[in-house]
Amino acid sequence: MRALDEHVLKVTKEIVAKFIEVGRVSPASFDETFKNVYRSVKEAILDHNVEEEE
């Protein structure tokens, strides 16, 4: 697994764990929420890297 993917996974875990703590995520919606958060975090990081290169 690439370092970027590991960082994205770690951040996603922390965000989803916080959502669970505050009752925003239920077991029924966990899968969809995790995928959406993962995708959003990865896109944000990749967009930021592209902006830095320009």
PDB file of N, CA and C in Angstrom:
ATOM      1  N   MET A   1       0.850  -1.183   0.000  1.00  0.00           N
ATOM      2  CA  MET A   1       0.000   0.000   0.000  1.00  0.00           C
ATOM      3  C   MET A   1       0.892   1.241   0.000  1.00  0.00           C
ATOM      4  N   ARG A   2       0.565   2.179  -0.832  1.00  0.00           N
ATOM      5  CA  ARG A   2       1.360   3.402  -0.923  1.00  0.00           C
ATOM      6  C   ARG A   2       1.174   4.246   0.327  1.00  0.00           C
ATOM      7  N   ALA A   3       2.153   5.091   0.591  1.00  0.00           N
ATOM      8  CA  ALA A   3       2.113   5.953   1.779  1.00  0.00           C
ATOM      9  C   ALA A   3       0.890   6.874   1.742  1.00  0.00           C
ATOM     10  N   LEU A   4       0.563   7.399   0.568  1.00  0.00           N
ATOM     11  CA  LEU A   4      -0.603   8.276   0.446  1.00  0.00           C
ATOM     12  C   LEU A   4      -1.872   7.545   0.849  1.00  0.00           C
ATOM     13  N   ASP A   5      -2.036   6.324   0.359  1.00  0.00           N
ATOM     14  CA  ASP A   5      -3.226   5.540   0.695  1.00  0.00           C
ATOM     15  C   ASP A   5      -3.301   5.260   2.191  1.00  0.00           C
ATOM     16  N   GLU A   6      -2.160   5.012   2.819  1.00  0.00           N
ATOM     17  CA  GLU A   6      -2.146   4.768   4.263  1.00  0.00           C
ATOM     18  C   GLU A   6      -2.578   6.007   5.038  1.00  0.00           C
ATOM     19  N   HIS A   7      -2.120   7.176   4.605  1.00  0.00           N
ATOM     20  CA  HIS A   7      -2.500   8.424   5.265  1.00  0.00           C
ATOM     21  C   HIS A   7      -3.989   8.712   5.071  1.00  0.00           C
ATOM     22  N   VAL A   8      -4.475   8.483   3.865  1.00  0.00           N
ATOM     23  CA  VAL A   8      -5.901   8.698   3.582  1.00  0.00           C
ATOM     24  C   VAL A   8      -6.744   7.760   4.442  1.00  0.00           C
ATOM     25  N   LEU A   9      -6.344   6.516   4.538  1.00  0.00           N
ATOM     26  CA  LEU A   9      -7.070   5.542   5.345  1.00  0.00           C
ATOM     27  C   LEU A   9      -7.083   5.952   6.814  1.00  0.00           C
ATOM     28  N   LYS A  10      -5.955   6.408   7.331  1.00  0.00           N
ATOM     29  CA  LYS A  10      -5.866   6.820   8.732  1.00  0.00           C
ATOM     30  C   LYS A  10      -6.779   8.018   9.022  1.00  0.00           C
ATOM     31  N   VAL A  11      -6.745   9.020   8.144  1.00  0.00           N
ATOM     32  CA  VAL A  11      -7.595  10.202   8.332  1.00  0.00           C
ATOM     33  C   VAL A  11      -9.070   9.818   8.229  1.00  0.00           C
ATOM     34  N   THR A  12      -9.391   8.968   7.261  1.00  0.00           N
ATOM     35  CA  THR A  12     -10.772   8.520   7.090  1.00  0.00           C
ATOM     36  C   THR A  12     -11.260   7.793   8.335  1.00  0.00           C
ATOM     37  N   LYS A  13     -10.424   6.914   8.887  1.00  0.00           N
ATOM     38  CA  LYS A  13     -10.790   6.193  10.112  1.00  0.00           C
ATOM     39  C   LYS A  13     -11.102   7.159  11.242  1.00  0.00           C
ATOM     40  N   GLU A  14     -10.280   8.192  11.398  1.00  0.00           N
ATOM     41  CA  GLU A  14     -10.488   9.157  12.474  1.00  0.00           C
ATOM     42  C   GLU A  14     -11.786   9.936  12.287  1.00  0.00           C
ATOM     43  N   ILE A  15     -12.069  10.336  11.051  1.00  0.00           N
ATOM     44  CA  ILE A  15     -13.291  11.092  10.776  1.00  0.00           C
ATOM     45  C   ILE A  15     -14.520  10.223  11.021  1.00  0.00           C
ATOM     46  N   VAL A  16     -14.513   9.010  10.495  1.00  0.00           N
ATOM     47  CA  VAL A  16     -15.668   8.125  10.659  1.00  0.00           C
ATOM     48  C   VAL A  16     -15.848   7.746  12.129  1.00  0.00           C
ATOM     49  N   ALA A  17     -14.763   7.541  12.857  1.00  0.00           N
ATOM     50  CA  ALA A  17     -14.871   7.236  14.284  1.00  0.00           C
ATOM     51  C   ALA A  17     -15.543   8.385  15.025  1.00  0.00           C
ATOM     52  N   LYS A  18     -15.197   9.618  14.663  1.00  0.00           N
ATOM     53  CA  LYS A  18     -15.824  10.782  15.287  1.00  0.00           C
ATOM     54  C   LYS A  18     -17.312  10.843  14.941  1.00  0.00           C
ATOM     55  N   PHE A  19     -17.645  10.540  13.686  1.00  0.00           N
ATOM     56  CA  PHE A  19     -19.056  10.499  13.283  1.00  0.00           C
ATOM     57  C   PHE A  19     -19.823   9.467  14.098  1.00  0.00           C
ATOM     58  N   ILE A  20     -19.208   8.317  14.346  1.00  0.00           N
ATOM     59  CA  ILE A  20     -19.852   7.272  15.144  1.00  0.00           C
ATOM     60  C   ILE A  20     -20.057   7.760  16.578  1.00  0.00           C
ATOM     61  N   GLU A  21     -19.038   8.417  17.140  1.00  0.00           N
ATOM     62  CA  GLU A  21     -19.123   8.920  18.516  1.00  0.00           C
ATOM     63  C   GLU A  21     -20.277   9.895  18.699  1.00  0.00           C
ATOM     64  N   VAL A  22     -20.517  10.743  17.718  1.00  0.00           N
ATOM     65  CA  VAL A  22     -21.574  11.747  17.858  1.00  0.00           C
ATOM     66  C   VAL A  22     -22.911  11.245  17.330  1.00  0.00           C
ATOM     67  N   GLY A  23     -22.961   9.991  16.892  1.00  0.00           N
ATOM     68  CA  GLY A  23     -24.210   9.393  16.460  1.00  0.00           C
ATOM     69  C   GLY A  23     -24.610   9.737  15.033  1.00  0.00           C
ATOM     70  N   ARG A  24     -23.689  10.219  14.263  1.00  0.00           N
ATOM     71  CA  ARG A  24     -24.000  10.604  12.880  1.00  0.00           C
ATOM     72  C   ARG A  24     -23.992   9.399  11.937  1.00  0.00           C
ATOM     73  N   VAL A  25     -23.281   8.334  12.309  1.00  0.00           N
ATOM     74  CA  VAL A  25     -23.182   7.141  11.463  1.00  0.00           C
ATOM     75  C   VAL A  25     -23.730   5.945  12.233  1.00  0.00           C
ATOM     76  N   SER A  26     -24.601   5.200  11.568  1.00  0.00           N
ATOM     77  CA  SER A  26     -25.141   3.973  12.164  1.00  0.00           C
ATOM     78  C   SER A  26     -24.486   2.780  11.470  1.00  0.00           C
ATOM     79  N   PRO A  27     -24.605   1.597  12.055  1.00  0.00           N
ATOM     80  CA  PRO A  27     -24.034   0.416  11.395  1.00  0.00           C
ATOM     81  C   PRO A  27     -24.589   0.210   9.983  1.00  0.00           C
ATOM     82  N   ALA A  28     -25.830   0.588   9.764  1.00  0.00           N
ATOM     83  CA  ALA A  28     -26.435   0.407   8.443  1.00  0.00           C
ATOM     84  C   ALA A  28     -25.819   1.330   7.399  1.00  0.00           C
ATOM     85  N   SER A  29     -25.357   2.487   7.812  1.00  0.00           N
ATOM     86  CA  SER A  29     -24.820   3.453   6.851  1.00  0.00           C
ATOM     87  C   SER A  29     -23.291   3.512   6.858  1.00  0.00           C
ATOM     88  N   PHE A  30     -22.649   2.661   7.665  1.00  0.00           N
ATOM     89  CA  PHE A  30     -21.195   2.711   7.801  1.00  0.00           C
ATOM     90  C   PHE A  30     -20.472   2.540   6.470  1.00  0.00           C
ATOM     91  N   ASP A  31     -20.833   1.520   5.705  1.00  0.00           N
ATOM     92  CA  ASP A  31     -20.131   1.212   4.457  1.00  0.00           C
ATOM     93  C   ASP A  31     -20.161   2.382   3.485  1.00  0.00           C
ATOM     94  N   GLU A  32     -21.328   2.917   3.262  1.00  0.00           N
ATOM     95  CA  GLU A  32     -21.466   4.036   2.326  1.00  0.00           C
ATOM     96  C   GLU A  32     -20.733   5.277   2.837  1.00  0.00           C
ATOM     97  N   THR A  33     -20.869   5.549   4.130  1.00  0.00           N
ATOM     98  CA  THR A  33     -20.217   6.726   4.709  1.00  0.00           C
ATOM     99  C   THR A  33     -18.704   6.607   4.622  1.00  0.00           C
ATOM    100  N   PHE A  34     -18.161   5.435   4.955  1.00  0.00           N
ATOM    101  CA  PHE A  34     -16.712   5.244   4.914  1.00  0.00           C
ATOM    102  C   PHE A  34     -16.179   5.474   3.501  1.00  0.00           C
ATOM    103  N   LYS A  35     -16.850   4.903   2.508  1.00  0.00           N
ATOM    104  CA  LYS A  35     -16.413   5.068   1.122  1.00  0.00           C
ATOM    105  C   LYS A  35     -16.462   6.533   0.701  1.00  0.00           C
ATOM    106  N   ASN A  36     -17.535   7.235   1.064  1.00  0.00           N
ATOM    107  CA  ASN A  36     -17.669   8.639   0.687  1.00  0.00           C
ATOM    108  C   ASN A  36     -16.598   9.504   1.341  1.00  0.00           C
ATOM    109  N   VAL A  37     -16.334   9.265   2.623  1.00  0.00           N
ATOM    110  CA  VAL A  37     -15.317  10.044   3.330  1.00  0.00           C
ATOM    111  C   VAL A  37     -13.943   9.747   2.739  1.00  0.00           C
ATOM    112  N   TYR A  38     -13.658   8.475   2.480  1.00  0.00           N
ATOM    113  CA  TYR A  38     -12.365   8.089   1.890  1.00  0.00           C
ATOM    114  C   TYR A  38     -12.155   8.811   0.563  1.00  0.00           C
ATOM    115  N   ARG A  39     -13.175   8.762  -0.275  1.00  0.00           N
ATOM    116  CA  ARG A  39     -13.089   9.401  -1.590  1.00  0.00           C
ATOM    117  C   ARG A  39     -12.874  10.907  -1.450  1.00  0.00           C
ATOM    118  N   SER A  40     -13.596  11.539  -0.537  1.00  0.00           N
ATOM    119  CA  SER A  40     -13.471  12.987  -0.338  1.00  0.00           C
ATOM    120  C   SER A  40     -12.089  13.378   0.164  1.00  0.00           C
ATOM    121  N   VAL A  41     -11.572  12.631   1.118  1.00  0.00           N
ATOM    122  CA  VAL A  41     -10.245  12.922   1.668  1.00  0.00           C
ATOM    123  C   VAL A  41      -9.183  12.762   0.584  1.00  0.00           C
ATOM    124  N   LYS A  42      -9.265  11.676  -0.178  1.00  0.00           N
ATOM    125  CA  LYS A  42      -8.273  11.431  -1.221  1.00  0.00           C
ATOM    126  C   LYS A  42      -8.330  12.513  -2.294  1.00  0.00           C
ATOM    127  N   GLU A  43      -9.532  12.899  -2.712  1.00  0.00           N
ATOM    128  CA  GLU A  43      -9.669  13.961  -3.713  1.00  0.00           C
ATOM    129  C   GLU A  43      -9.097  15.281  -3.199  1.00  0.00           C
ATOM    130  N   ALA A  44      -9.357  15.591  -1.940  1.00  0.00           N
ATOM    131  CA  ALA A  44      -8.847  16.843  -1.364  1.00  0.00           C
ATOM    132  C   ALA A  44      -7.324  16.864  -1.362  1.00  0.00           C
ATOM    133  N   ILE A  45      -6.716  15.750  -1.005  1.00  0.00           N
ATOM    134  CA  ILE A  45      -5.256  15.680  -0.985  1.00  0.00           C
ATOM    135  C   ILE A  45      -4.690  15.781  -2.391  1.00  0.00           C
ATOM    136  N   LEU A  46      -5.278  15.063  -3.329  1.00  0.00           N
ATOM    137  CA  LEU A  46      -4.785  15.095  -4.705  1.00  0.00           C
ATOM    138  C   LEU A  46      -4.974  16.481  -5.321  1.00  0.00           C
ATOM    139  N   ASP A  47      -6.112  17.117  -5.065  1.00  0.00           N
ATOM    140  CA  ASP A  47      -6.344  18.476  -5.568  1.00  0.00           C
ATOM    141  C   ASP A  47      -5.322  19.446  -4.993  1.00  0.00           C
ATOM    142  N   HIS A  48      -5.021  19.297  -3.723  1.00  0.00           N
ATOM    143  CA  HIS A  48      -4.046  20.170  -3.068  1.00  0.00           C
ATOM    144  C   HIS A  48      -2.657  19.987  -3.694  1.00  0.00           C
ATOM    145  N   ASN A  49      -2.287  18.735  -3.969  1.00  0.00           N
ATOM    146  CA  ASN A  49      -0.978  18.466  -4.582  1.00  0.00           C
ATOM    147  C   ASN A  49      -0.887  19.066  -5.975  1.00  0.00           C
ATOM    148  N   VAL A  50      -1.958  19.023  -6.734  1.00  0.00           N
ATOM    149  CA  VAL A  50      -1.960  19.584  -8.088  1.00  0.00           C
ATOM    150  C   VAL A  50      -1.814  21.091  -8.004  1.00  0.00           C
ATOM    151  N   GLU A  51      -2.492  21.726  -7.068  1.00  0.00           N
ATOM    152  CA  GLU A  51      -2.415  23.171  -6.908  1.00  0.00           C
ATOM    153  C   GLU A  51      -1.010  23.610  -6.521  1.00  0.00           C
ATOM    154  N   GLU A  52      -0.323  22.834  -5.705  1.00  0.00           N
ATOM    155  CA  GLU A  52       1.029  23.168  -5.283  1.00  0.00           C
ATOM    156  C   GLU A  52       2.002  23.104  -6.458  1.00  0.00           C
ATOM    157  N   GLU A  53       1.772  22.177  -7.384  1.00  0.00           N
ATOM    158  CA  GLU A  53       2.659  22.012  -8.523  1.00  0.00           C
ATOM    159  C   GLU A  53       2.521  23.146  -9.533  1.00  0.00           C
ATOM    160  N   GLU A  54       1.376  23.799  -9.566  1.00  0.00           N
ATOM    161  CA  GLU A  54       1.135  24.865 -10.547  1.00  0.00           C
ATOM    162  C   GLU A  54       1.774  26.142 -10.160  1.00  0.00           C
TER     163      GLU A  54
END
